[in-house]
Amino acid sequence: MGDGLRAIRVVSHDDSLLASVRHAATLLDGFDVVAHATVDELVAAPPVAGDVILLDAWMRGGNVYEQCRRLVGKTRCRTWLVVDHQNQLAEPIARFCGATGVLRRPLVPSKLREALESSFGPRPNLPQEARGSDKLAALPERLLTDLAGKRDETLVSAATDPETSLYNYAFLNYKLDEEFKRAKRFGTPLSVVMLGFEGAAEPSVLKELAAIFLETSRDTDVLGRFDENTFLFFLPHTGLDGAGIMARRVGEMAAQRGLSDLVGDALQISVGIATCPAPDIQRREDLFSRARGALLAARQQGGGVVAV
């Protein structure tokens, strides 16, 4: 730019939003405002790391979350999505797509200043590959509905497993980091439940099993598919006892409904549970590895629940 200023780069067709950002910039030190018609401009000529990107949820040319995903790995700029004030579901999926966070209309100088001062760089890159809808889709769809209120299949496939409609590995990886940090910050319990069975099962059995997970869980629980025959759950504000109750109910309901594998044998469900806070759990990887170890122990004993 030639003047030494950092830029707030606004991708929008809304003149009123651009005007409000220009007004806010006059009250901020060291920022200029640059308007962009499309994300393509930023992809073709990535801005410098100190710049800031504001993506207008009302912009034309595609879903704003998917446009945000396009910038992942292309820029190292802090990026916010500008969304409607009443939209309470935007922030989780915005962060999953690589955004630093969301800003809400009407955009006022104090909120922009607060966002810039409280952020410490861009979000981590979204994994480049992710694996991978009725009652099973209720939990993901509530989160992934776009800002216009219409279902976006691209976003649904980005965060959910196609066979079960539960969250996929990529989203689970993001949520474990988020839930672990929240639990550590507020000193609240967090249980990780790893549940699996031997062999393989028909898609209809997997869907029925996913339905059981939803029936035995709360809205705040995070339910996902880890691999072909293993599932991973994060249960906020839940200790070992509560997680054990949920795990046993899953096993009981699977037996009551006669779920079986491809060769016709009853599903032999094994469950491993780990909970923090605990003295030897300092990182999210510690929590996951303890749950994984408990699952292996449960499989070695022929099924059931092992809690550590």
Protein backbone atom coordinates (compact mmCIF):
# COMPACT_ATOMS: atom_id res chain seq x y z
CA MET A 1 0.00 0.00 0.00
CA GLY A 2 3.02 2.25 0.34
CA ASP A 3 1.87 4.06 3.51
CA GLY A 4 2.94 1.53 6.15
CA LEU A 5 -0.62 0.86 7.27
CA ARG A 6 -2.13 -2.55 7.86
CA ALA A 7 -5.35 -3.20 5.99
CA ILE A 8 -8.82 -4.28 7.02
CA ARG A 9 -9.93 -6.12 3.89
CA VAL A 10 -13.72 -6.22 3.56
CA VAL A 11 -15.29 -8.75 1.18
CA SER A 12 -18.81 -7.45 0.69
CA HIS A 13 -21.30 -5.88 -1.70
CA ASP A 14 -22.99 -4.02 1.16
CA ASP A 15 -22.11 -0.33 1.08
CA SER A 16 -23.44 0.20 4.59
CA LEU A 17 -21.09 -2.44 6.02
CA LEU A 18 -18.15 -0.94 4.18
CA ALA A 19 -19.07 2.52 5.50
CA SER A 20 -19.28 1.25 9.07
CA VAL A 21 -15.86 -0.40 8.77
CA ARG A 22 -14.36 2.80 7.36
CA HIS A 23 -15.81 4.73 10.29
CA ALA A 24 -14.45 2.21 12.78
CA ALA A 25 -11.01 2.36 11.14
CA THR A 26 -10.78 6.10 11.79
CA LEU A 27 -10.82 5.28 15.50
CA LEU A 28 -8.16 2.57 15.21
CA ASP A 29 -4.45 3.22 14.94
CA GLY A 30 -2.54 1.92 11.94
CA PHE A 31 -5.36 0.47 9.80
CA ASP A 32 -6.62 1.35 6.35
CA VAL A 33 -9.71 -0.20 4.70
CA VAL A 34 -9.63 -2.03 1.36
CA ALA A 35 -12.81 -3.28 -0.34
CA HIS A 36 -12.92 -6.58 -2.27
CA ALA A 37 -15.77 -7.85 -4.41
CA THR A 38 -14.90 -11.54 -4.05
CA VAL A 39 -12.71 -13.95 -2.11
CA ASP A 40 -11.05 -14.80 -5.43
CA GLU A 41 -9.10 -11.54 -5.20
CA LEU A 42 -7.59 -12.58 -1.85
CA VAL A 43 -6.80 -16.09 -3.07
CA ALA A 44 -5.08 -14.76 -6.18
CA ALA A 45 -3.06 -12.12 -4.30
CA PRO A 46 -2.82 -13.12 -0.60
CA PRO A 47 -2.49 -10.15 1.76
CA VAL A 48 0.27 -9.82 4.33
CA ALA A 49 -0.02 -11.55 7.70
CA GLY A 50 -0.76 -8.35 9.61
CA ASP A 51 -3.88 -7.59 7.62
CA VAL A 52 -7.41 -8.41 8.76
CA ILE A 53 -10.16 -9.96 6.62
CA LEU A 54 -13.89 -9.40 7.17
CA LEU A 55 -16.17 -11.74 5.19
CA ASP A 56 -19.74 -10.53 4.85
CA ALA A 57 -22.25 -13.34 5.36
CA TRP A 58 -24.54 -11.57 2.91
CA MET A 59 -22.02 -11.57 0.07
CA ARG A 60 -22.91 -13.13 -3.25
CA GLY A 61 -20.99 -15.96 -4.88
CA GLY A 62 -21.33 -18.88 -2.48
CA ASN A 63 -21.77 -19.80 1.16
CA VAL A 64 -19.64 -17.63 3.43
CA TYR A 65 -18.34 -20.62 5.42
CA GLU A 66 -17.15 -22.35 2.28
CA GLN A 67 -15.53 -19.11 1.13
CA CYS A 68 -13.75 -18.96 4.47
CA ARG A 69 -12.48 -22.51 3.97
CA ARG A 70 -10.98 -21.43 0.65
CA LEU A 71 -8.73 -18.98 2.49
CA VAL A 72 -7.32 -21.62 4.85
CA GLY A 73 -3.67 -22.11 4.03
CA LYS A 74 -3.77 -19.21 1.56
CA THR A 75 -3.44 -16.35 4.05
CA ARG A 76 -2.18 -15.95 7.60
CA CYS A 77 -4.58 -13.10 8.29
CA ARG A 78 -7.01 -12.93 11.17
CA THR A 79 -10.41 -13.49 9.59
CA TRP A 80 -13.88 -12.72 10.93
CA LEU A 81 -17.30 -13.48 9.48
CA VAL A 82 -19.80 -10.64 9.78
CA VAL A 83 -23.16 -12.24 10.61
CA ASP A 84 -26.63 -11.26 11.78
CA HIS A 85 -26.88 -10.29 15.43
CA GLN A 86 -29.37 -13.06 16.27
CA ASN A 87 -27.35 -15.87 14.68
CA GLN A 88 -26.07 -17.90 17.65
CA LEU A 89 -24.88 -20.90 15.61
CA ALA A 90 -22.36 -19.13 13.38
CA GLU A 91 -19.30 -19.07 15.65
CA PRO A 92 -18.58 -22.82 16.06
CA ILE A 93 -18.72 -23.57 12.35
CA ALA A 94 -16.87 -20.34 11.51
CA ARG A 95 -13.97 -21.39 13.74
CA PHE A 96 -14.05 -24.89 12.30
CA CYS A 97 -13.72 -23.36 8.83
CA GLY A 98 -10.60 -21.46 9.92
CA ALA A 99 -12.01 -18.11 11.00
CA THR A 100 -10.77 -16.26 14.07
CA GLY A 101 -14.38 -15.66 15.05
CA VAL A 102 -17.53 -13.74 14.14
CA LEU A 103 -18.59 -10.11 14.36
CA ARG A 104 -22.27 -9.25 14.54
CA ARG A 105 -24.30 -6.59 12.81
CA PRO A 106 -24.50 -3.70 13.38
CA LEU A 107 -20.71 -3.45 13.36
CA VAL A 108 -19.62 -0.76 15.82
CA PRO A 109 -16.08 0.54 16.43
CA SER A 110 -15.88 -0.78 20.00
CA LYS A 111 -16.66 -4.35 18.91
CA LEU A 112 -14.10 -4.26 16.10
CA ARG A 113 -11.47 -2.84 18.43
CA GLU A 114 -12.25 -5.48 21.06
CA ALA A 115 -11.94 -8.27 18.47
CA LEU A 116 -8.59 -7.00 17.20
CA GLU A 117 -7.17 -6.54 20.68
CA SER A 118 -8.33 -9.93 22.00
CA SER A 119 -7.09 -12.04 19.07
CA PHE A 120 -3.57 -13.31 18.87
CA GLY A 121 -3.25 -14.46 15.28
CA PRO A 122 -5.13 -16.71 12.88
CA ARG A 123 -6.85 -19.95 13.71
CA PRO A 124 -4.98 -23.21 13.06
CA ASN A 125 -5.28 -24.62 9.55
CA LEU A 126 -8.19 -26.90 8.85
CA PRO A 127 -7.03 -30.45 8.02
CA GLN A 128 -6.79 -30.77 4.26
CA GLU A 129 -8.76 -34.01 4.17
CA ALA A 130 -11.80 -35.11 6.16
CA ARG A 131 -13.68 -38.44 6.09
CA GLY A 132 -16.66 -38.52 4.73
CA SER A 133 -29.99 -36.86 6.84
CA ASP A 134 -33.84 -37.23 9.14
CA LYS A 135 -33.47 -37.56 12.92
CA LEU A 136 -29.82 -38.58 12.60
CA ALA A 137 -28.98 -35.24 10.99
CA ALA A 138 -30.61 -33.12 13.69
CA LEU A 139 -27.45 -32.37 15.65
CA PRO A 140 -25.09 -31.52 12.77
CA GLU A 141 -27.76 -29.75 10.70
CA ARG A 142 -28.63 -27.38 13.53
CA LEU A 143 -25.00 -26.25 13.55
CA LEU A 144 -24.43 -26.28 9.80
CA THR A 145 -27.50 -24.38 8.59
CA ASP A 146 -26.24 -21.44 6.59
CA LEU A 147 -27.02 -17.84 7.36
CA ALA A 148 -29.89 -17.71 4.90
CA GLY A 149 -31.57 -20.58 6.71
CA LYS A 150 -30.97 -23.09 3.92
CA ARG A 151 -29.14 -26.39 4.23
CA ASP A 152 -25.72 -26.39 2.52
CA GLU A 153 -24.69 -29.90 1.46
CA THR A 154 -21.04 -28.92 0.99
CA LEU A 155 -20.77 -27.82 4.60
CA VAL A 156 -22.67 -30.82 5.90
CA SER A 157 -20.24 -33.15 4.13
CA ALA A 158 -17.29 -31.12 5.46
CA ALA A 159 -18.14 -31.87 9.09
CA THR A 160 -20.21 -35.07 9.11
CA ASP A 161 -19.76 -38.74 8.37
CA PRO A 162 -21.94 -39.71 5.39
CA GLU A 163 -22.98 -43.12 6.74
CA THR A 164 -24.09 -42.07 10.23
CA SER A 165 -24.60 -38.26 9.99
CA LEU A 166 -22.47 -37.95 13.14
CA TYR A 167 -19.49 -35.62 13.19
CA ASN A 168 -16.42 -36.81 11.27
CA TYR A 169 -12.79 -37.09 12.33
CA ALA A 170 -11.84 -33.56 11.23
CA PHE A 171 -14.57 -31.92 13.29
CA LEU A 172 -13.89 -34.21 16.26
CA ASN A 173 -10.25 -33.09 16.22
CA TYR A 174 -11.34 -29.47 16.37
CA LYS A 175 -13.95 -30.05 19.08
CA LEU A 176 -11.59 -31.99 21.36
CA ASP A 177 -9.25 -29.02 21.38
CA GLU A 178 -12.13 -26.62 22.08
CA GLU A 179 -13.78 -28.72 24.80
CA PHE A 180 -10.49 -29.52 26.55
CA LYS A 181 -9.50 -25.85 26.70
CA ARG A 182 -12.93 -24.91 28.04
CA ALA A 183 -12.85 -27.60 30.72
CA LYS A 184 -9.34 -26.62 31.78
CA ARG A 185 -10.17 -22.93 31.91
CA PHE A 186 -13.30 -23.31 34.04
CA GLY A 187 -12.25 -26.37 36.03
CA THR A 188 -15.23 -28.42 34.90
CA PRO A 189 -15.16 -32.16 34.17
CA LEU A 190 -14.93 -33.47 30.62
CA SER A 191 -15.28 -37.14 29.74
CA VAL A 192 -14.06 -38.71 26.51
CA VAL A 193 -15.84 -41.92 25.56
CA MET A 194 -14.42 -44.22 22.88
CA LEU A 195 -16.82 -46.95 21.79
CA GLY A 196 -16.23 -49.69 19.25
CA PHE A 197 -17.13 -53.16 18.08
CA GLU A 198 -15.25 -55.93 16.27
CA GLY A 199 -15.67 -56.48 12.55
CA ALA A 200 -17.93 -54.49 10.25
CA ALA A 201 -21.65 -53.76 10.04
CA GLU A 202 -24.26 -52.88 7.44
CA PRO A 203 -25.02 -49.17 6.89
CA SER A 204 -28.50 -49.73 8.36
CA VAL A 205 -26.93 -51.05 11.58
CA LEU A 206 -24.59 -48.06 11.76
CA LYS A 207 -27.54 -45.70 11.39
CA GLU A 208 -29.45 -47.53 14.12
CA LEU A 209 -26.42 -47.37 16.39
CA ALA A 210 -26.07 -43.64 15.72
CA ALA A 211 -29.75 -43.21 16.62
CA ILE A 212 -29.06 -44.94 19.95
CA PHE A 213 -26.19 -42.55 20.61
CA LEU A 214 -28.48 -39.58 20.06
CA GLU A 215 -31.21 -41.06 22.27
CA THR A 216 -28.78 -41.59 25.17
CA SER A 217 -26.99 -38.23 24.93
CA ARG A 218 -27.66 -34.57 25.67
CA ASP A 219 -27.66 -31.64 23.25
CA THR A 220 -24.31 -30.47 24.63
CA ASP A 221 -22.57 -33.80 23.96
CA VAL A 222 -20.39 -34.12 20.84
CA LEU A 223 -20.90 -37.41 18.99
CA GLY A 224 -18.71 -38.54 16.10
CA ARG A 225 -17.37 -41.45 14.10
CA PHE A 226 -13.66 -42.06 14.59
CA ASP A 227 -13.11 -44.87 12.06
CA GLU A 228 -14.97 -47.79 10.48
CA ASN A 229 -16.10 -49.41 13.72
CA THR A 230 -15.14 -46.89 16.41
CA PHE A 231 -16.95 -43.81 17.70
CA LEU A 232 -15.75 -40.92 19.83
CA PHE A 233 -17.87 -38.82 22.22
CA PHE A 234 -17.05 -35.72 24.25
CA LEU A 235 -19.30 -35.21 27.29
CA PRO A 236 -18.87 -31.74 28.88
CA HIS A 237 -19.65 -31.33 32.60
CA THR A 238 -19.70 -35.12 32.98
CA GLY A 239 -17.54 -37.29 35.24
CA LEU A 240 -16.79 -41.00 35.07
CA ASP A 241 -20.08 -42.04 36.67
CA GLY A 242 -22.24 -40.11 34.22
CA ALA A 243 -20.19 -41.24 31.22
CA GLY A 244 -20.41 -44.84 32.42
CA ILE A 245 -24.19 -44.65 32.68
CA MET A 246 -24.43 -43.38 29.11
CA ALA A 247 -22.06 -46.08 27.83
CA ARG A 248 -23.95 -48.90 29.52
CA ARG A 249 -27.27 -47.65 28.17
CA VAL A 250 -25.84 -47.76 24.65
CA GLY A 251 -24.78 -51.38 25.13
CA GLU A 252 -28.13 -52.36 26.59
CA MET A 253 -30.14 -50.71 23.82
CA ALA A 254 -27.95 -52.25 21.10
CA ALA A 255 -28.59 -55.69 22.61
CA GLN A 256 -32.34 -55.04 22.97
CA ARG A 257 -32.61 -54.09 19.30
CA GLY A 258 -30.62 -57.12 18.18
CA LEU A 259 -27.91 -55.23 16.30
CA SER A 260 -25.49 -57.56 14.56
CA ASP A 261 -22.36 -57.43 12.40
CA LEU A 262 -21.94 -58.59 8.79
CA VAL A 263 -21.67 -62.27 9.74
CA GLY A 264 -24.79 -62.13 11.91
CA ASP A 265 -23.13 -62.11 15.32
CA ALA A 266 -24.44 -59.72 17.97
CA LEU A 267 -22.39 -56.53 18.19
CA GLN A 268 -19.82 -56.94 20.96
CA ILE A 269 -19.54 -53.35 22.17
CA SER A 270 -16.47 -52.21 24.08
CA VAL A 271 -16.16 -48.79 25.72
CA GLY A 272 -13.22 -46.86 27.11
CA ILE A 273 -13.71 -43.72 29.21
CA ALA A 274 -11.27 -41.10 30.44
CA THR A 275 -12.07 -37.95 32.39
CA CYS A 276 -10.32 -34.71 33.25
CA PRO A 277 -9.29 -32.93 35.33
CA ALA A 278 -6.74 -35.50 36.44
CA PRO A 279 -3.13 -35.05 37.64
CA ASP A 280 -1.62 -36.91 34.67
CA ILE A 281 -3.77 -35.25 32.00
CA GLN A 282 -2.18 -31.98 30.95
CA ARG A 283 -2.92 -32.02 27.21
CA ARG A 284 -5.83 -33.05 25.07
CA GLU A 285 -3.62 -35.83 23.66
CA ASP A 286 -3.31 -37.26 27.17
CA LEU A 287 -7.08 -37.41 27.53
CA PHE A 288 -7.53 -39.07 24.16
CA SER A 289 -4.74 -41.63 24.69
CA ARG A 290 -6.19 -42.68 28.06
CA ALA A 291 -9.62 -43.21 26.52
CA ARG A 292 -8.02 -45.16 23.67
CA GLY A 293 -6.09 -47.33 26.14
CA ALA A 294 -9.27 -47.98 28.13
CA LEU A 295 -11.05 -49.08 24.94
CA LEU A 296 -8.27 -51.54 24.11
CA ALA A 297 -8.49 -52.91 27.66
CA ALA A 298 -12.25 -53.33 27.30
CA ARG A 299 -11.77 -55.23 24.03
CA GLN A 300 -9.19 -57.51 25.63
CA GLN A 301 -11.64 -58.46 28.35
CA GLY A 302 -14.30 -59.33 25.77
CA GLY A 303 -16.40 -56.14 25.83
CA GLY A 304 -18.01 -53.95 28.45
CA VAL A 305 -16.88 -50.65 29.93
CA VAL A 306 -13.43 -49.71 31.22
CA ALA A 307 -13.14 -46.29 32.90
CA VAL A 308 -9.86 -44.66 33.95
